[in-house]
C-alpha atoms as a PDB file:
ATOM      1  CA  MET A   1     -46.147  39.709  59.092  1.00  0.00           C
ATOM      2  CA  ASP A   2     -48.634  38.015  57.737  1.00  0.00           C
ATOM      3  CA  PHE A   3     -47.259  34.237  57.040  1.00  0.00           C
ATOM      4  CA  GLU A   4     -48.449  31.025  58.108  1.00  0.00           C
ATOM      5  CA  VAL A   5     -46.306  27.810  59.026  1.00  0.00           C
ATOM      6  CA  SER A   6     -47.618  24.574  57.529  1.00  0.00           C
ATOM      7  CA  GLN A   7     -44.656  22.465  58.333  1.00  0.00           C
ATOM      8  CA  VAL A   8     -41.865  21.590  59.827  1.00  0.00           C
ATOM      9  CA  LYS A   9     -40.195  17.681  59.162  1.00  0.00           C
ATOM     10  CA  GLU A  10     -36.832  16.151  58.021  1.00  0.00           C
ATOM     11  CA  LYS A  11     -37.037  14.878  55.137  1.00  0.00           C
ATOM     12  CA  PHE A  12     -34.107  13.543  53.325  1.00  0.00           C
ATOM     13  CA  GLY A  13     -32.269  14.452  57.259  1.00  0.00           C
ATOM     14  CA  THR A  14     -32.476  17.608  57.398  1.00  0.00           C
ATOM     15  CA  LEU A  15     -35.286  20.000  57.979  1.00  0.00           C
ATOM     16  CA  ARG A  16     -37.900  21.027  55.714  1.00  0.00           C
ATOM     17  CA  PHE A  17     -39.850  24.466  56.403  1.00  0.00           C
ATOM     18  CA  TYR A  18     -42.920  24.715  55.201  1.00  0.00           C
ATOM     19  CA  PHE A  19     -44.285  28.176  55.407  1.00  0.00           C
ATOM     20  CA  HIS A  20     -47.633  30.331  53.081  1.00  0.00           C
ATOM     21  CA  LEU A  21     -46.737  34.165  52.361  1.00  0.00           C
ATOM     22  CA  ALA A  22     -50.170  36.487  52.416  1.00  0.00           C
ATOM     23  CA  GLU A  23     -49.760  38.217  48.680  1.00  0.00           C
ATOM     24  CA  SER A  24     -48.868  41.804  50.380  1.00  0.00           C
ATOM     25  CA  HIS A  25     -45.506  41.427  51.226  1.00  0.00           C
ATOM     26  CA  THR A  26     -42.700  42.158  48.688  1.00  0.00           C
ATOM     27  CA  ARG A  27     -41.336  40.578  46.383  1.00  0.00           C
ATOM     28  CA  GLU A  28     -37.771  41.391  48.343  1.00  0.00           C
ATOM     29  CA  PHE A  29     -38.788  40.752  52.035  1.00  0.00           C
ATOM     30  CA  THR A  30     -40.150  37.532  50.042  1.00  0.00           C
ATOM     31  CA  ASP A  31     -36.169  36.349  48.886  1.00  0.00           C
ATOM     32  CA  GLN A  32     -34.733  37.267  52.496  1.00  0.00           C
ATOM     33  CA  LEU A  33     -37.312  35.538  53.566  1.00  0.00           C
ATOM     34  CA  TYR A  34     -36.791  31.942  51.286  1.00  0.00           C
ATOM     35  CA  ASP A  35     -32.654  33.094  51.781  1.00  0.00           C
ATOM     36  CA  ILE A  36     -32.947  32.408  55.362  1.00  0.00           C
ATOM     37  CA  VAL A  37     -35.050  29.476  55.600  1.00  0.00           C
ATOM     38  CA  ARG A  38     -32.846  27.771  52.703  1.00  0.00           C
ATOM     39  CA  LEU A  39     -29.811  29.282  54.960  1.00  0.00           C
ATOM     40  CA  TRP A  40     -30.988  26.607  57.576  1.00  0.00           C
ATOM     41  CA  GLU A  41     -32.134  24.358  56.143  1.00  0.00           C
ATOM     42  CA  GLU A  42     -27.960  23.411  54.644  1.00  0.00           C
ATOM     43  CA  ARG A  43     -26.790  24.309  57.769  1.00  0.00           C
ATOM     44  CA  SER A  44     -28.745  21.591  59.388  1.00  0.00           C
ATOM     45  CA  ALA A  45     -27.024  19.046  57.073  1.00  0.00           C
ATOM     46  CA  THR A  46     -24.300  20.351  59.843  1.00  0.00           C
ATOM     47  CA  VAL A  47     -25.656  19.743  62.995  1.00  0.00           C
ATOM     48  CA  CYS A  48     -26.515  16.464  65.077  1.00  0.00           C
ATOM     49  CA  GLU A  49     -29.874  15.855  65.713  1.00  0.00           C
ATOM     50  CA  LYS A  50     -30.172  14.578  68.993  1.00  0.00           C
ATOM     51  CA  CYS A  51     -27.045  16.670  71.370  1.00  0.00           C
ATOM     52  CA  GLY A  52     -27.371  19.492  69.026  1.00  0.00           C
ATOM     53  CA  ASN A  53     -23.087  19.431  68.247  1.00  0.00           C
ATOM     54  CA  PRO A  54     -21.669  19.600  64.835  1.00  0.00           C
ATOM     55  CA  GLY A  55     -21.868  16.708  63.264  1.00  0.00           C
ATOM     56  CA  GLU A  56     -22.684  15.465  59.907  1.00  0.00           C
ATOM     57  CA  GLN A  57     -25.166  14.112  57.214  1.00  0.00           C
ATOM     58  CA  ARG A  58     -24.518  10.746  57.168  1.00  0.00           C
ATOM     59  CA  THR A  59     -26.063   7.946  54.374  1.00  0.00           C
ATOM     60  CA  ASP A  60     -24.689   4.587  55.953  1.00  0.00           C
ATOM     61  CA  LEU A  61     -27.165   3.961  58.324  1.00  0.00           C
ATOM     62  CA  PRO A  62     -31.118   1.646  57.627  1.00  0.00           C
END
């Protein structure tokens, strides 16, 4: 695989994963990778960042 992870961070209470792909990857591979990243970014809103147990995103905190 020829890709580079540039950042992994929290933004607005969820995971953000930024990466760069080589141009040689197929469209199918690229789409699958973006789908995987999107899935885990969405799921990160349902996991407690402190203990890893199921949780929910809160908006009532300062």
